[in-house]
Each structure stands twice: as C-alpha cells, then as structure tokens.
Amino acid sequence: MVASDILRESGYDTFHACDAKDAAALLDQHPEIELVVTDAELSGPAHGLELARQVSRERPNVQLVVTAADHEFAQSELPPGARVLRKPYASGELRTLVAAKSLLQEA
C-alpha cells in the first residue's frame, strides 16, 4: 500500500504522483496541498530528495516527510523541517507521524 492510500483511508484528501515531475505539477495545480510524502528513491529527472528541496524552497509552509531506507542519504541532505520515515514502515507509523504535532487537520 502506498502512502497516499494509507492517508486516504485515514480521512485525508490525497493525490498520488508516480515521479517527481508529476508531483511538482500537482503542487503547482493545487495550492491547498499541506503535506508532501516522498520516497528518497522517487524516479524521474529529479529524485525524491530533490523534490523535497524544491518544495522547501518554493512552498516553505508545506510539511515534508521523506521515506527512505537507512543507507540512502545523510540527514544533512534533508531540507529544514523535513521528517524521515525509515523503510520499511507500517501504515500506523505513517499515520502517527502525520498526526503528530498537528502536521495536518483531517479533511
């Protein structure tokens, strides 16, 4: 199950993108987006970490969660405020992270 499905089942409105280019387009089309969950290994011309950096620069109020295996990148590569969710993760871990500290209001 992908993150968008987990969050949708938890009552959040979600979008799903297959690569960083599609995710950037969704962000441009939907200014109401408050959270981006990306995989550090997201495919496309830009990978998930590059997407997270772009979001941080262009939409600093958007919360960021980057999923990654332990060895994929150094914490210093993350944009400020981004949270890491280590893979593999249980759906409850994602729900808890999103709910923590009022990251989002439920739809």
C-alpha atoms as a PDB file:
ATOM      1  CA  MET A   1       0.000   0.000   0.000  1.00  0.00           C
ATOM      2  CA  VAL A   2       1.352   3.432  -0.897  1.00  0.00           C
ATOM      3  CA  ALA A   3       1.361   6.419   1.433  1.00  0.00           C
ATOM      4  CA  SER A   4      -1.480   8.184  -0.394  1.00  0.00           C
ATOM      5  CA  ASP A   5      -3.731   5.132   0.130  1.00  0.00           C
ATOM      6  CA  ILE A   6      -2.842   4.904   3.815  1.00  0.00           C
ATOM      7  CA  LEU A   7      -3.606   8.581   4.385  1.00  0.00           C
ATOM      8  CA  ARG A   8      -6.802   8.485   2.295  1.00  0.00           C
ATOM      9  CA  GLU A   9      -8.057   5.592   4.428  1.00  0.00           C
ATOM     10  CA  SER A  10      -7.292   7.745   7.467  1.00  0.00           C
ATOM     11  CA  GLY A  11      -9.582  10.522   6.235  1.00  0.00           C
ATOM     12  CA  TYR A  12      -7.143  12.817   4.452  1.00  0.00           C
ATOM     13  CA  ASP A  13      -7.586  14.137   0.920  1.00  0.00           C
ATOM     14  CA  THR A  14      -4.640  12.888  -1.118  1.00  0.00           C
ATOM     15  CA  PHE A  15      -3.010  12.972  -4.530  1.00  0.00           C
ATOM     16  CA  HIS A  16      -0.647  10.358  -5.931  1.00  0.00           C
ATOM     17  CA  ALA A  17       2.288  11.054  -8.253  1.00  0.00           C
ATOM     18  CA  CYS A  18       4.452   8.413  -9.907  1.00  0.00           C
ATOM     19  CA  ASP A  19       7.543  10.609 -10.204  1.00  0.00           C
ATOM     20  CA  ALA A  20       8.970  13.939  -9.070  1.00  0.00           C
ATOM     21  CA  LYS A  21       7.870  15.735 -12.236  1.00  0.00           C
ATOM     22  CA  ASP A  22       4.235  14.711 -11.706  1.00  0.00           C
ATOM     23  CA  ALA A  23       4.455  15.647  -8.027  1.00  0.00           C
ATOM     24  CA  ALA A  24       5.772  19.120  -8.897  1.00  0.00           C
ATOM     25  CA  ALA A  25       2.912  19.564 -11.366  1.00  0.00           C
ATOM     26  CA  LEU A  26       0.361  18.566  -8.720  1.00  0.00           C
ATOM     27  CA  LEU A  27       1.857  21.091  -6.323  1.00  0.00           C
ATOM     28  CA  ASP A  28       1.545  23.804  -8.966  1.00  0.00           C
ATOM     29  CA  GLN A  29      -2.074  22.867  -9.669  1.00  0.00           C
ATOM     30  CA  HIS A  30      -3.147  22.514  -6.036  1.00  0.00           C
ATOM     31  CA  PRO A  31      -2.057  25.306  -3.711  1.00  0.00           C
ATOM     32  CA  GLU A  32      -4.129  23.712  -0.939  1.00  0.00           C
ATOM     33  CA  ILE A  33      -1.590  20.889  -0.533  1.00  0.00           C
ATOM     34  CA  GLU A  34      -0.209  20.997   3.018  1.00  0.00           C
ATOM     35  CA  LEU A  35       1.956  17.868   3.129  1.00  0.00           C
ATOM     36  CA  VAL A  36       4.239  16.049   0.712  1.00  0.00           C
ATOM     37  CA  VAL A  37       5.272  12.469   1.411  1.00  0.00           C
ATOM     38  CA  THR A  38       8.022  11.436  -0.972  1.00  0.00           C
ATOM     39  CA  ASP A  39      10.338   8.495  -1.307  1.00  0.00           C
ATOM     40  CA  ALA A  40      14.025   9.351  -1.456  1.00  0.00           C
ATOM     41  CA  GLU A  41      14.196   6.917  -4.389  1.00  0.00           C
ATOM     42  CA  LEU A  42      11.311   8.518  -6.309  1.00  0.00           C
ATOM     43  CA  SER A  43      12.040   8.206 -10.010  1.00  0.00           C
ATOM     44  CA  GLY A  44      12.223  10.791 -12.754  1.00  0.00           C
ATOM     45  CA  PRO A  45      14.655  13.512 -13.740  1.00  0.00           C
ATOM     46  CA  ALA A  46      14.594  14.684 -10.123  1.00  0.00           C
ATOM     47  CA  HIS A  47      14.540  12.181  -7.259  1.00  0.00           C
ATOM     48  CA  GLY A  48      12.595  12.418  -4.024  1.00  0.00           C
ATOM     49  CA  LEU A  49      15.210  14.411  -2.125  1.00  0.00           C
ATOM     50  CA  GLU A  50      15.382  16.955  -4.932  1.00  0.00           C
ATOM     51  CA  LEU A  51      11.589  17.201  -4.858  1.00  0.00           C
ATOM     52  CA  ALA A  52      11.701  17.800  -1.089  1.00  0.00           C
ATOM     53  CA  ARG A  53      14.283  20.561  -1.541  1.00  0.00           C
ATOM     54  CA  GLN A  54      12.208  22.166  -4.294  1.00  0.00           C
ATOM     55  CA  VAL A  55       9.079  22.084  -2.146  1.00  0.00           C
ATOM     56  CA  SER A  56      11.016  23.577   0.775  1.00  0.00           C
ATOM     57  CA  ARG A  57      12.235  26.461  -1.414  1.00  0.00           C
ATOM     58  CA  GLU A  58       9.018  27.159  -3.291  1.00  0.00           C
ATOM     59  CA  ARG A  59       6.399  26.267  -0.676  1.00  0.00           C
ATOM     60  CA  PRO A  60       8.076  26.610   2.733  1.00  0.00           C
ATOM     61  CA  ASN A  61       4.785  26.141   4.606  1.00  0.00           C
ATOM     62  CA  VAL A  62       4.279  22.655   3.164  1.00  0.00           C
ATOM     63  CA  GLN A  63       5.235  19.883   5.575  1.00  0.00           C
ATOM     64  CA  LEU A  64       7.630  17.240   4.244  1.00  0.00           C
ATOM     65  CA  VAL A  65       8.013  13.546   5.024  1.00  0.00           C
ATOM     66  CA  VAL A  66      10.746  11.618   3.211  1.00  0.00           C
ATOM     67  CA  THR A  67      10.624   7.832   3.292  1.00  0.00           C
ATOM     68  CA  ALA A  68      13.987   6.120   2.968  1.00  0.00           C
ATOM     69  CA  ALA A  69      15.996   3.046   3.768  1.00  0.00           C
ATOM     70  CA  ASP A  70      18.664   3.649   6.424  1.00  0.00           C
ATOM     71  CA  HIS A  71      21.554   3.877   4.000  1.00  0.00           C
ATOM     72  CA  GLU A  72      20.092   6.167   1.343  1.00  0.00           C
ATOM     73  CA  PHE A  73      21.200   9.617   2.461  1.00  0.00           C
ATOM     74  CA  ALA A  74      22.592  11.684   5.276  1.00  0.00           C
ATOM     75  CA  GLN A  75      20.260  13.706   7.485  1.00  0.00           C
ATOM     76  CA  SER A  76      22.133  16.831   6.352  1.00  0.00           C
ATOM     77  CA  GLU A  77      20.753  16.303   2.823  1.00  0.00           C
ATOM     78  CA  LEU A  78      17.191  16.960   4.005  1.00  0.00           C
ATOM     79  CA  PRO A  79      15.610  20.392   3.826  1.00  0.00           C
ATOM     80  CA  PRO A  80      14.996  22.044   7.196  1.00  0.00           C
ATOM     81  CA  GLY A  81      11.933  20.703   8.983  1.00  0.00           C
ATOM     82  CA  ALA A  82      11.583  17.573   6.869  1.00  0.00           C
ATOM     83  CA  ARG A  83      10.840  14.399   8.757  1.00  0.00           C
ATOM     84  CA  VAL A  84      12.224  10.979   7.848  1.00  0.00           C
ATOM     85  CA  LEU A  85      10.232   7.775   7.921  1.00  0.00           C
ATOM     86  CA  ARG A  86      12.528   4.778   7.610  1.00  0.00           C
ATOM     87  CA  LYS A  87      11.500   1.927   5.299  1.00  0.00           C
ATOM     88  CA  PRO A  88      10.028  -0.486   5.658  1.00  0.00           C
ATOM     89  CA  TYR A  89       7.358   1.158   7.753  1.00  0.00           C
ATOM     90  CA  ALA A  90       3.946   0.077   8.971  1.00  0.00           C
ATOM     91  CA  SER A  91       0.910   2.079   7.932  1.00  0.00           C
ATOM     92  CA  GLY A  92       0.389   3.048  11.576  1.00  0.00           C
ATOM     93  CA  GLU A  93       3.821   4.671  11.670  1.00  0.00           C
ATOM     94  CA  LEU A  94       2.884   6.981   8.793  1.00  0.00           C
ATOM     95  CA  ARG A  95      -0.469   7.800  10.370  1.00  0.00           C
ATOM     96  CA  THR A  96       1.219   8.579  13.694  1.00  0.00           C
ATOM     97  CA  LEU A  97       3.862  10.780  12.070  1.00  0.00           C
ATOM     98  CA  VAL A  98       1.288  12.787  10.121  1.00  0.00           C
ATOM     99  CA  ALA A  99      -0.925  13.172  13.176  1.00  0.00           C
ATOM    100  CA  ALA A 100       1.983  14.130  15.457  1.00  0.00           C
ATOM    101  CA  LYS A 101       2.267  17.769  16.383  1.00  0.00           C
ATOM    102  CA  SER A 102      -0.785  18.580  14.271  1.00  0.00           C
ATOM    103  CA  LEU A 103       1.020  18.227  10.946  1.00  0.00           C
ATOM    104  CA  LEU A 104      -2.369  18.308   9.248  1.00  0.00           C
ATOM    105  CA  GLN A 105      -6.001  18.765  10.083  1.00  0.00           C
ATOM    106  CA  GLU A 106      -8.160  15.855   8.925  1.00  0.00           C
ATOM    107  CA  ALA A 107     -10.293  16.614   5.865  1.00  0.00           C
END
